[in-house]
Amino acid sequence: MLKYKTPGVYYEERFPSPVEKLQTGVPAILGYIKGNAKFNEPQPLTHWSEFQRDFGAPLPNGYLAYAVRGFFKNGGSLCYVVPLKDTIPPEDALLEGLAALEPLCTIDLVCTPDIMRSPPPMNLTNDPCAPDLTDSTIWSNLSPLNPDSVITMQSAVLEHCHRLGNRFAILDSLPHTNEQQLHNQRRGLNGASAALYYPWVRVQDDSYLKSTFVPPCGHVAGVYARSDQKIGVYKAPANEVLKGVLELEVNLTNRQQGLLNQEGINCLHTFPGREILVWGARTLSHDPEWTYINVRRLFLTVIRWIERNMLEVVFEPNDASLWNRIKRDLTDYFNDLFRQGALKGSQPEEAFYVKCDEDTNPPQVREAGQVVTEIGLAPIEPCEFIIVTIIHGTTGVTISGVPKLG
């Protein structure tokens, strides 16, 4: 209702509502739990104690609880747990869980630690008189994991992330694996929206008063969240300490690390006098433009921002006014990324461009009810190698390119 009584012209100042900050480093973690949970329903958690309250102690031969605890220990602040059905084959359970994630717009990471869980015999899960599956004696003589089945399920996670285009998968290497098996696993996986981490990590298991080796994905997801909070999604989540880890399943040499790094396998590494570090930041893509995790995640975050903040332009008249509005909103967003240091260049014009005009929207595009905008970004790539030149000459030894410390 109008508040003015007398006809005339009135002036009011109105300020646009601030755009909601897009949270990153939020994983969905899929796995098996005790009890009769609501399967395939993502449940948000903001603290490890909430998992203990809602889902209880870790399952024997299951890894979901360790992943969630590792996420919070490493600085994560929000995750979603997706309980999977344990009465159907693992491949089907995973696909159902991934389908439940599709409408969720608040996540940008996917972790599936229980792909590495050896399932109980199906005759036990289907038998109404079956014993308690939380009884560790049931799991004592299971056959080893089938690597082909693991690759099939991890490929399904890759396809999920690629198809949705707004999330990134953190995948685990096989346990107790040798280099040849690890390379075979890597060759079976290809995608820009995922990264593979090796080896497994030993953690304290308070429930059973022992330590155990677990997949690293939950701990690594916490590192992603911590790095995002400290700096931003554009910073490579590497050279970061893994907290809550006692030791690694394998201590790699520098030579082994180098060979695996070239294959796009991100290693966890122990350095003398330092803690255990994440020492790799490569995706599983063969495309050189998508080599680095931070570059890919920056683009995925841009996609999420556009999906969330530009929906209101749908059904607007497709003309120059709309094109200018799209360019203005995107330019403001990219200018903010540039000021944060997410894009390289000394001027914004060197860091990004936005093109939305009659060239990108010819008549046939407009008649199809579409608006086409072309963007280009120059992301910051991580510095993987620092080159130091040592020159031996008649005047002695000269060293150039030494990085400054402190």
Protein backbone atom coordinates (compact mmCIF):
# COMPACT_ATOMS: atom_id res chain seq x y z
CA MET A 1 0.00 0.00 0.00
CA LEU A 2 1.28 3.49 -0.87
CA LYS A 3 2.28 5.55 2.16
CA TYR A 4 2.03 8.89 0.33
CA LYS A 5 -1.23 10.88 0.50
CA THR A 6 -0.52 13.89 -1.71
CA PRO A 7 0.17 13.49 -5.44
CA GLY A 8 3.71 14.40 -6.35
CA VAL A 9 7.22 13.07 -6.95
CA TYR A 10 9.05 11.48 -4.05
CA TYR A 11 12.68 10.36 -3.73
CA GLU A 12 13.72 7.25 -1.83
CA GLU A 13 17.12 5.63 -1.44
CA ARG A 14 17.07 1.89 -1.85
CA PHE A 15 20.11 -0.31 -1.55
CA PRO A 16 20.27 -3.77 -3.10
CA SER A 17 20.45 -6.71 -0.72
CA PRO A 18 24.00 -8.04 -0.44
CA VAL A 19 24.67 -11.18 -2.45
CA GLU A 20 24.92 -14.21 -0.18
CA LYS A 21 28.48 -15.48 0.15
CA LEU A 22 28.86 -18.88 -1.47
CA GLN A 23 30.29 -21.43 0.97
CA THR A 24 32.84 -23.88 -0.41
CA GLY A 25 34.56 -26.89 1.09
CA VAL A 26 31.23 -28.57 1.90
CA PRO A 27 31.30 -32.32 1.18
CA ALA A 28 28.60 -34.93 0.93
CA ILE A 29 30.03 -38.08 2.52
CA LEU A 30 28.30 -41.31 1.54
CA GLY A 31 28.58 -44.53 3.53
CA TYR A 32 27.04 -47.12 5.83
CA ILE A 33 25.91 -46.58 9.41
CA LYS A 34 24.44 -48.48 12.33
CA GLY A 35 20.72 -48.65 12.93
CA ASN A 36 17.72 -47.88 10.79
CA ALA A 37 18.53 -44.47 9.39
CA LYS A 38 16.59 -42.71 6.67
CA PHE A 39 18.57 -44.01 3.74
CA ASN A 40 19.59 -41.68 0.93
CA GLU A 41 18.56 -38.56 2.84
CA PRO A 42 21.45 -36.07 3.15
CA GLN A 43 21.75 -34.94 6.76
CA PRO A 44 23.73 -31.75 7.53
CA LEU A 45 26.28 -31.91 10.36
CA THR A 46 28.32 -29.08 11.84
CA HIS A 47 30.20 -31.03 14.50
CA TRP A 48 31.60 -34.53 15.03
CA SER A 49 29.44 -35.00 18.13
CA GLU A 50 26.34 -34.77 15.95
CA PHE A 51 27.46 -37.83 14.03
CA GLN A 52 28.06 -39.71 17.28
CA ARG A 53 24.63 -38.71 18.52
CA ASP A 54 22.75 -39.62 15.35
CA PHE A 55 24.72 -42.57 13.99
CA GLY A 56 26.74 -44.05 16.83
CA ALA A 57 30.12 -45.76 16.73
CA PRO A 58 31.96 -46.70 13.51
CA LEU A 59 30.92 -49.90 11.79
CA PRO A 60 33.44 -52.75 11.69
CA ASN A 61 35.14 -52.58 8.30
CA GLY A 62 33.35 -49.32 7.53
CA TYR A 63 34.94 -45.92 7.04
CA LEU A 64 32.16 -43.33 7.06
CA ALA A 65 32.62 -42.31 10.69
CA TYR A 66 36.39 -41.90 10.30
CA ALA A 67 35.89 -39.72 7.23
CA VAL A 68 33.44 -37.43 9.03
CA ARG A 69 35.68 -37.17 12.10
CA GLY A 70 38.72 -36.48 9.91
CA PHE A 71 36.82 -33.75 8.09
CA PHE A 72 36.03 -31.86 11.30
CA LYS A 73 39.51 -32.45 12.76
CA ASN A 74 41.03 -30.73 9.74
CA GLY A 75 38.92 -27.59 9.90
CA GLY A 76 35.68 -28.47 8.15
CA SER A 77 32.57 -26.69 9.38
CA LEU A 78 29.69 -28.27 7.43
CA CYS A 79 29.18 -31.62 5.74
CA TYR A 80 26.26 -33.79 4.67
CA VAL A 81 26.11 -37.49 5.57
CA VAL A 82 24.21 -39.75 3.20
CA PRO A 83 23.42 -43.21 4.70
CA LEU A 84 23.43 -45.94 2.05
CA LYS A 85 21.27 -49.04 2.01
CA ASP A 86 23.15 -52.14 3.13
CA THR A 87 20.53 -54.57 1.82
CA ILE A 88 21.31 -54.12 -1.88
CA PRO A 89 24.54 -54.51 -3.92
CA PRO A 90 27.08 -51.74 -3.20
CA GLU A 91 27.00 -50.44 -6.78
CA ASP A 92 23.23 -49.97 -6.60
CA ALA A 93 23.43 -48.43 -3.12
CA LEU A 94 26.00 -45.91 -4.35
CA LEU A 95 23.93 -44.94 -7.39
CA GLU A 96 20.86 -44.37 -5.20
CA GLY A 97 22.89 -42.22 -2.82
CA LEU A 98 24.33 -40.14 -5.67
CA ALA A 99 20.85 -39.64 -7.13
CA ALA A 100 19.70 -38.29 -3.75
CA LEU A 101 22.49 -35.69 -3.92
CA GLU A 102 21.52 -34.23 -7.29
CA PRO A 103 19.11 -31.53 -6.02
CA LEU A 104 21.47 -30.45 -3.21
CA CYS A 105 22.97 -27.08 -4.16
CA THR A 106 24.88 -26.45 -0.90
CA ILE A 107 27.66 -29.01 -1.47
CA ASP A 108 30.71 -28.73 -3.71
CA LEU A 109 32.63 -31.90 -2.72
CA VAL A 110 31.77 -35.61 -2.81
CA CYS A 111 33.50 -38.28 -0.68
CA THR A 112 32.74 -42.01 -0.83
CA PRO A 113 35.00 -43.76 1.71
CA ASP A 114 32.82 -46.88 1.95
CA ILE A 115 33.53 -47.79 -1.66
CA MET A 116 36.54 -49.38 0.06
CA ARG A 117 34.34 -51.37 2.47
CA SER A 118 34.07 -55.10 1.91
CA PRO A 119 30.32 -55.79 2.04
CA PRO A 120 28.90 -58.70 4.03
CA PRO A 121 27.61 -61.70 2.06
CA MET A 122 24.31 -60.78 0.43
CA ASN A 123 22.56 -63.82 1.94
CA LEU A 124 23.17 -62.24 5.34
CA THR A 125 21.78 -58.83 4.42
CA ASN A 126 18.66 -60.33 2.84
CA ASP A 127 17.98 -62.83 5.63
CA PRO A 128 15.50 -61.45 8.21
CA CYS A 129 17.12 -63.75 10.79
CA ALA A 130 20.63 -62.60 9.92
CA PRO A 131 23.00 -61.74 12.78
CA ASP A 132 23.88 -58.19 13.75
CA LEU A 133 26.05 -56.78 10.96
CA THR A 134 27.85 -54.59 13.48
CA ASP A 135 29.36 -57.74 14.99
CA SER A 136 33.03 -57.69 14.02
CA THR A 137 33.22 -61.51 13.83
CA ILE A 138 31.15 -61.44 10.63
CA TRP A 139 33.82 -59.39 8.93
CA SER A 140 36.84 -61.42 9.98
CA ASN A 141 37.20 -63.67 6.90
CA LEU A 142 35.99 -61.58 3.98
CA SER A 143 37.58 -61.78 0.54
CA PRO A 144 39.69 -58.78 -0.52
CA LEU A 145 38.26 -55.87 -2.44
CA ASN A 146 37.67 -56.28 -6.14
CA PRO A 147 39.68 -53.47 -7.82
CA ASP A 148 37.46 -53.54 -10.90
CA SER A 149 34.38 -53.00 -8.74
CA VAL A 150 36.10 -50.08 -6.97
CA ILE A 151 36.99 -48.44 -10.30
CA THR A 152 33.44 -48.95 -11.56
CA MET A 153 31.97 -47.22 -8.52
CA GLN A 154 34.53 -44.41 -8.54
CA SER A 155 33.79 -43.88 -12.24
CA ALA A 156 30.11 -43.49 -11.31
CA VAL A 157 31.11 -40.74 -8.86
CA LEU A 158 33.16 -39.07 -11.60
CA GLU A 159 30.21 -39.21 -14.00
CA HIS A 160 27.93 -37.72 -11.35
CA CYS A 161 30.24 -34.75 -10.76
CA HIS A 162 30.87 -34.21 -14.47
CA ARG A 163 27.19 -34.31 -15.40
CA LEU A 164 26.08 -31.88 -12.67
CA GLY A 165 29.03 -29.57 -13.26
CA ASN A 166 29.08 -27.98 -9.81
CA ARG A 167 30.96 -30.40 -7.52
CA PHE A 168 34.33 -32.12 -7.16
CA ALA A 169 35.10 -35.69 -6.03
CA ILE A 170 37.86 -36.65 -3.60
CA LEU A 171 38.73 -40.30 -4.33
CA ASP A 172 40.76 -42.82 -2.34
CA SER A 173 43.44 -45.20 -3.54
CA LEU A 174 43.02 -48.92 -2.95
CA PRO A 175 44.32 -50.21 0.41
CA HIS A 176 47.52 -52.27 0.67
CA THR A 177 48.20 -51.51 -2.97
CA ASN A 178 51.50 -51.74 -4.84
CA GLU A 179 52.61 -49.24 -7.47
CA GLN A 180 51.36 -51.33 -10.39
CA GLN A 181 47.89 -51.72 -8.87
CA LEU A 182 47.82 -48.01 -8.10
CA HIS A 183 48.71 -47.14 -11.70
CA ASN A 184 46.00 -49.52 -12.93
CA GLN A 185 43.47 -47.77 -10.73
CA ARG A 186 44.58 -44.38 -12.03
CA ARG A 187 44.34 -45.48 -15.67
CA GLY A 188 40.74 -46.54 -15.08
CA LEU A 189 39.75 -43.03 -13.93
CA ASN A 190 39.57 -39.90 -16.03
CA GLY A 191 37.87 -36.61 -15.25
CA ALA A 192 38.58 -32.98 -14.45
CA SER A 193 36.20 -32.85 -11.49
CA ALA A 194 38.02 -35.34 -9.28
CA ALA A 195 41.34 -36.04 -7.58
CA LEU A 196 42.89 -39.28 -6.30
CA TYR A 197 44.85 -39.48 -3.01
CA TYR A 198 47.41 -42.04 -1.82
CA PRO A 199 48.16 -43.70 0.62
CA TRP A 200 45.76 -44.59 3.45
CA VAL A 201 46.26 -43.06 6.91
CA ARG A 202 46.38 -44.58 10.37
CA VAL A 203 44.03 -42.98 12.90
CA GLN A 204 43.05 -43.67 16.48
CA ASP A 205 39.87 -45.74 16.82
CA ASP A 206 38.44 -44.79 20.21
CA SER A 207 35.44 -47.09 19.78
CA TYR A 208 37.56 -50.23 19.70
CA LEU A 209 40.57 -48.87 21.63
CA LYS A 210 43.01 -49.40 18.80
CA SER A 211 44.38 -47.64 15.73
CA THR A 212 43.38 -48.51 12.20
CA PHE A 213 44.14 -47.56 8.61
CA VAL A 214 41.37 -45.69 6.78
CA PRO A 215 40.88 -43.97 3.40
CA PRO A 216 42.10 -40.35 3.50
CA CYS A 217 39.20 -38.64 1.67
CA GLY A 218 37.49 -37.21 4.77
CA HIS A 219 40.71 -35.75 6.18
CA VAL A 220 41.58 -34.29 2.77
CA ALA A 221 38.10 -32.76 2.47
CA GLY A 222 38.76 -31.00 5.77
CA VAL A 223 41.99 -29.63 4.31
CA TYR A 224 40.04 -28.29 1.33
CA ALA A 225 37.61 -26.57 3.70
CA ARG A 226 40.40 -25.15 5.86
CA SER A 227 42.30 -23.83 2.84
CA ASP A 228 39.12 -22.29 1.41
CA GLN A 229 38.38 -20.54 4.69
CA LYS A 230 41.91 -19.21 5.15
CA ILE A 231 42.53 -18.05 1.58
CA GLY A 232 39.96 -19.16 -0.96
CA VAL A 233 38.93 -21.87 -3.38
CA TYR A 234 41.52 -20.55 -5.82
CA LYS A 235 44.40 -21.70 -3.58
CA ALA A 236 45.70 -25.22 -4.21
CA PRO A 237 44.79 -27.44 -1.21
CA ALA A 238 48.35 -28.71 -0.83
CA ASN A 239 51.36 -28.19 1.45
CA GLU A 240 48.78 -28.44 4.22
CA VAL A 241 49.06 -30.46 7.43
CA LEU A 242 46.84 -33.53 7.87
CA LYS A 243 45.55 -33.44 11.44
CA GLY A 244 44.37 -36.46 13.39
CA VAL A 245 46.70 -38.81 11.50
CA LEU A 246 49.23 -41.00 13.30
CA GLU A 247 51.15 -42.28 10.29
CA LEU A 248 50.85 -43.22 6.63
CA GLU A 249 50.36 -46.72 5.31
CA VAL A 250 53.34 -46.13 2.98
CA ASN A 251 56.21 -43.67 3.35
CA LEU A 252 57.14 -42.63 -0.16
CA THR A 253 60.55 -41.66 -1.43
CA ASN A 254 60.95 -38.47 -3.42
CA ARG A 255 61.43 -40.54 -6.57
CA GLN A 256 58.19 -42.46 -6.01
CA GLN A 257 56.39 -39.23 -5.23
CA GLY A 258 57.62 -37.65 -8.46
CA LEU A 259 56.47 -40.54 -10.64
CA LEU A 260 53.03 -40.63 -9.04
CA ASN A 261 52.66 -36.86 -9.27
CA GLN A 262 53.23 -37.01 -13.02
CA GLU A 263 50.39 -39.53 -13.25
CA GLY A 264 48.02 -37.19 -11.43
CA ILE A 265 48.07 -39.16 -8.17
CA ASN A 266 48.22 -36.82 -5.18
CA CYS A 267 50.43 -38.15 -2.43
CA LEU A 268 50.42 -37.68 1.30
CA HIS A 269 54.01 -37.22 2.41
CA THR A 270 56.06 -37.10 5.56
CA PHE A 271 59.07 -34.77 5.63
CA PRO A 272 61.81 -34.96 8.28
CA GLY A 273 61.02 -32.57 11.10
CA ARG A 274 57.58 -31.77 9.70
CA GLU A 275 54.12 -33.23 10.06
CA ILE A 276 52.25 -35.28 7.46
CA LEU A 277 51.35 -33.06 4.51
CA VAL A 278 49.09 -33.17 1.48
CA TRP A 279 51.70 -32.97 -1.26
CA GLY A 280 49.86 -32.82 -4.56
CA ALA A 281 47.12 -30.78 -6.24
CA ARG A 282 46.30 -32.47 -9.56
CA THR A 283 43.01 -33.60 -11.02
CA LEU A 284 42.40 -36.84 -12.91
CA SER A 285 42.10 -35.00 -16.22
CA HIS A 286 44.37 -35.51 -19.22
CA ASP A 287 43.50 -32.02 -20.44
CA PRO A 288 46.37 -29.65 -19.53
CA GLU A 289 43.90 -26.81 -18.95
CA TRP A 290 42.39 -28.77 -16.06
CA THR A 291 45.58 -30.13 -14.51
CA TYR A 292 45.21 -28.37 -11.17
CA ILE A 293 42.52 -28.83 -8.54
CA ASN A 294 42.24 -25.15 -7.64
CA VAL A 295 41.77 -24.10 -11.27
CA ARG A 296 38.96 -26.59 -11.76
CA ARG A 297 37.30 -25.78 -8.44
CA LEU A 298 37.40 -22.05 -9.20
CA PHE A 299 35.43 -22.63 -12.40
CA LEU A 300 33.01 -24.96 -10.63
CA THR A 301 32.46 -22.27 -7.98
CA VAL A 302 31.78 -19.70 -10.68
CA ILE A 303 29.15 -22.05 -12.13
CA ARG A 304 27.55 -22.43 -8.69
CA TRP A 305 27.50 -18.66 -8.21
CA ILE A 306 25.86 -18.10 -11.58
CA GLU A 307 23.25 -20.79 -10.90
CA ARG A 308 22.39 -19.23 -7.55
CA ASN A 309 22.49 -15.53 -8.35
CA MET A 310 21.35 -15.20 -11.95
CA LEU A 311 18.19 -17.30 -11.98
CA GLU A 312 16.07 -14.14 -11.80
CA VAL A 313 17.00 -13.13 -15.36
CA VAL A 314 15.01 -16.08 -16.73
CA PHE A 315 11.96 -14.91 -18.73
CA GLU A 316 13.27 -11.33 -18.98
CA PRO A 317 13.07 -9.70 -22.44
CA ASN A 318 16.07 -10.89 -24.42
CA ASP A 319 17.47 -7.57 -25.54
CA ALA A 320 20.39 -5.21 -24.97
CA SER A 321 19.07 -4.22 -21.56
CA LEU A 322 19.25 -7.82 -20.36
CA TRP A 323 22.69 -8.31 -21.90
CA ASN A 324 24.04 -5.25 -20.12
CA ARG A 325 22.59 -6.43 -16.83
CA ILE A 326 24.24 -9.83 -17.18
CA LYS A 327 27.57 -8.23 -18.07
CA ARG A 328 27.33 -5.84 -15.11
CA ASP A 329 26.54 -8.56 -12.56
CA LEU A 330 29.24 -10.91 -13.81
CA THR A 331 31.81 -8.12 -14.05
CA ASP A 332 31.14 -7.15 -10.45
CA TYR A 333 31.61 -10.76 -9.35
CA PHE A 334 34.81 -11.26 -11.33
CA ASN A 335 36.19 -7.94 -10.11
CA ASP A 336 35.71 -9.22 -6.58
CA LEU A 337 37.60 -12.44 -7.45
CA PHE A 338 40.37 -10.32 -8.98
CA ARG A 339 40.68 -8.20 -5.82
CA GLN A 340 40.89 -11.39 -3.73
CA GLY A 341 43.84 -12.60 -5.81
CA ALA A 342 41.98 -15.45 -7.52
CA LEU A 343 42.85 -14.23 -11.02
CA LYS A 344 46.17 -13.21 -12.48
CA GLY A 345 47.00 -9.97 -14.25
CA SER A 346 47.83 -6.44 -13.18
CA GLN A 347 44.47 -5.08 -14.35
CA PRO A 348 40.98 -6.62 -14.40
CA GLU A 349 41.08 -6.51 -18.22
CA GLU A 350 43.99 -8.97 -18.09
CA ALA A 351 42.21 -11.25 -15.64
CA PHE A 352 38.80 -11.82 -17.20
CA TYR A 353 36.32 -10.82 -19.86
CA VAL A 354 32.53 -11.03 -20.21
CA LYS A 355 30.84 -10.92 -23.61
CA CYS A 356 27.05 -10.85 -23.91
CA ASP A 357 25.77 -8.97 -26.94
CA GLU A 358 24.26 -9.43 -30.37
CA ASP A 359 27.29 -11.46 -31.47
CA THR A 360 26.72 -14.13 -28.82
CA ASN A 361 22.94 -13.80 -29.17
CA PRO A 362 22.06 -13.80 -32.88
CA PRO A 363 18.38 -14.05 -33.88
CA GLN A 364 18.33 -17.85 -33.96
CA VAL A 365 19.59 -17.99 -30.36
CA ARG A 366 16.99 -15.50 -29.16
CA GLU A 367 14.23 -17.31 -31.02
CA ALA A 368 15.21 -20.48 -29.16
CA GLY A 369 14.62 -18.65 -25.85
CA GLN A 370 18.31 -18.67 -24.89
CA VAL A 371 20.78 -16.06 -23.68
CA VAL A 372 24.42 -16.86 -24.39
CA THR A 373 27.22 -15.23 -22.41
CA GLU A 374 30.89 -15.93 -23.06
CA ILE A 375 33.34 -15.55 -20.19
CA GLY A 376 37.07 -15.98 -19.92
CA LEU A 377 39.09 -16.25 -16.71
CA ALA A 378 42.84 -16.32 -16.07
CA PRO A 379 43.16 -18.37 -12.87
CA ILE A 380 46.23 -18.53 -10.68
CA GLU A 381 48.09 -21.81 -11.19
CA PRO A 382 50.05 -23.31 -8.29
CA CYS A 383 53.81 -23.15 -8.24
CA GLU A 384 54.81 -26.82 -8.11
CA PHE A 385 58.54 -26.35 -8.68
CA ILE A 386 60.99 -23.68 -7.55
CA ILE A 387 64.05 -23.69 -9.79
CA VAL A 388 67.41 -22.82 -8.22
CA THR A 389 70.39 -22.34 -10.52
CA ILE A 390 73.88 -23.20 -9.21
CA ILE A 391 76.78 -21.90 -11.29
CA HIS A 392 80.34 -23.12 -10.66
CA GLY A 393 82.89 -20.63 -11.98
CA THR A 394 86.38 -19.31 -11.46
CA THR A 395 85.12 -16.92 -8.79
CA GLY A 396 83.37 -19.64 -6.82
CA VAL A 397 79.76 -20.79 -6.67
CA THR A 398 76.88 -18.49 -7.54
CA ILE A 399 73.31 -19.42 -6.67
CA SER A 400 70.38 -17.66 -8.30
CA GLY A 401 66.65 -18.06 -7.87
CA VAL A 402 66.81 -19.02 -4.19
CA PRO A 403 63.36 -18.55 -2.65
CA LYS A 404 63.14 -16.16 0.25
CA LEU A 405 62.19 -17.74 3.54
CA GLY A 406 59.97 -16.01 6.08
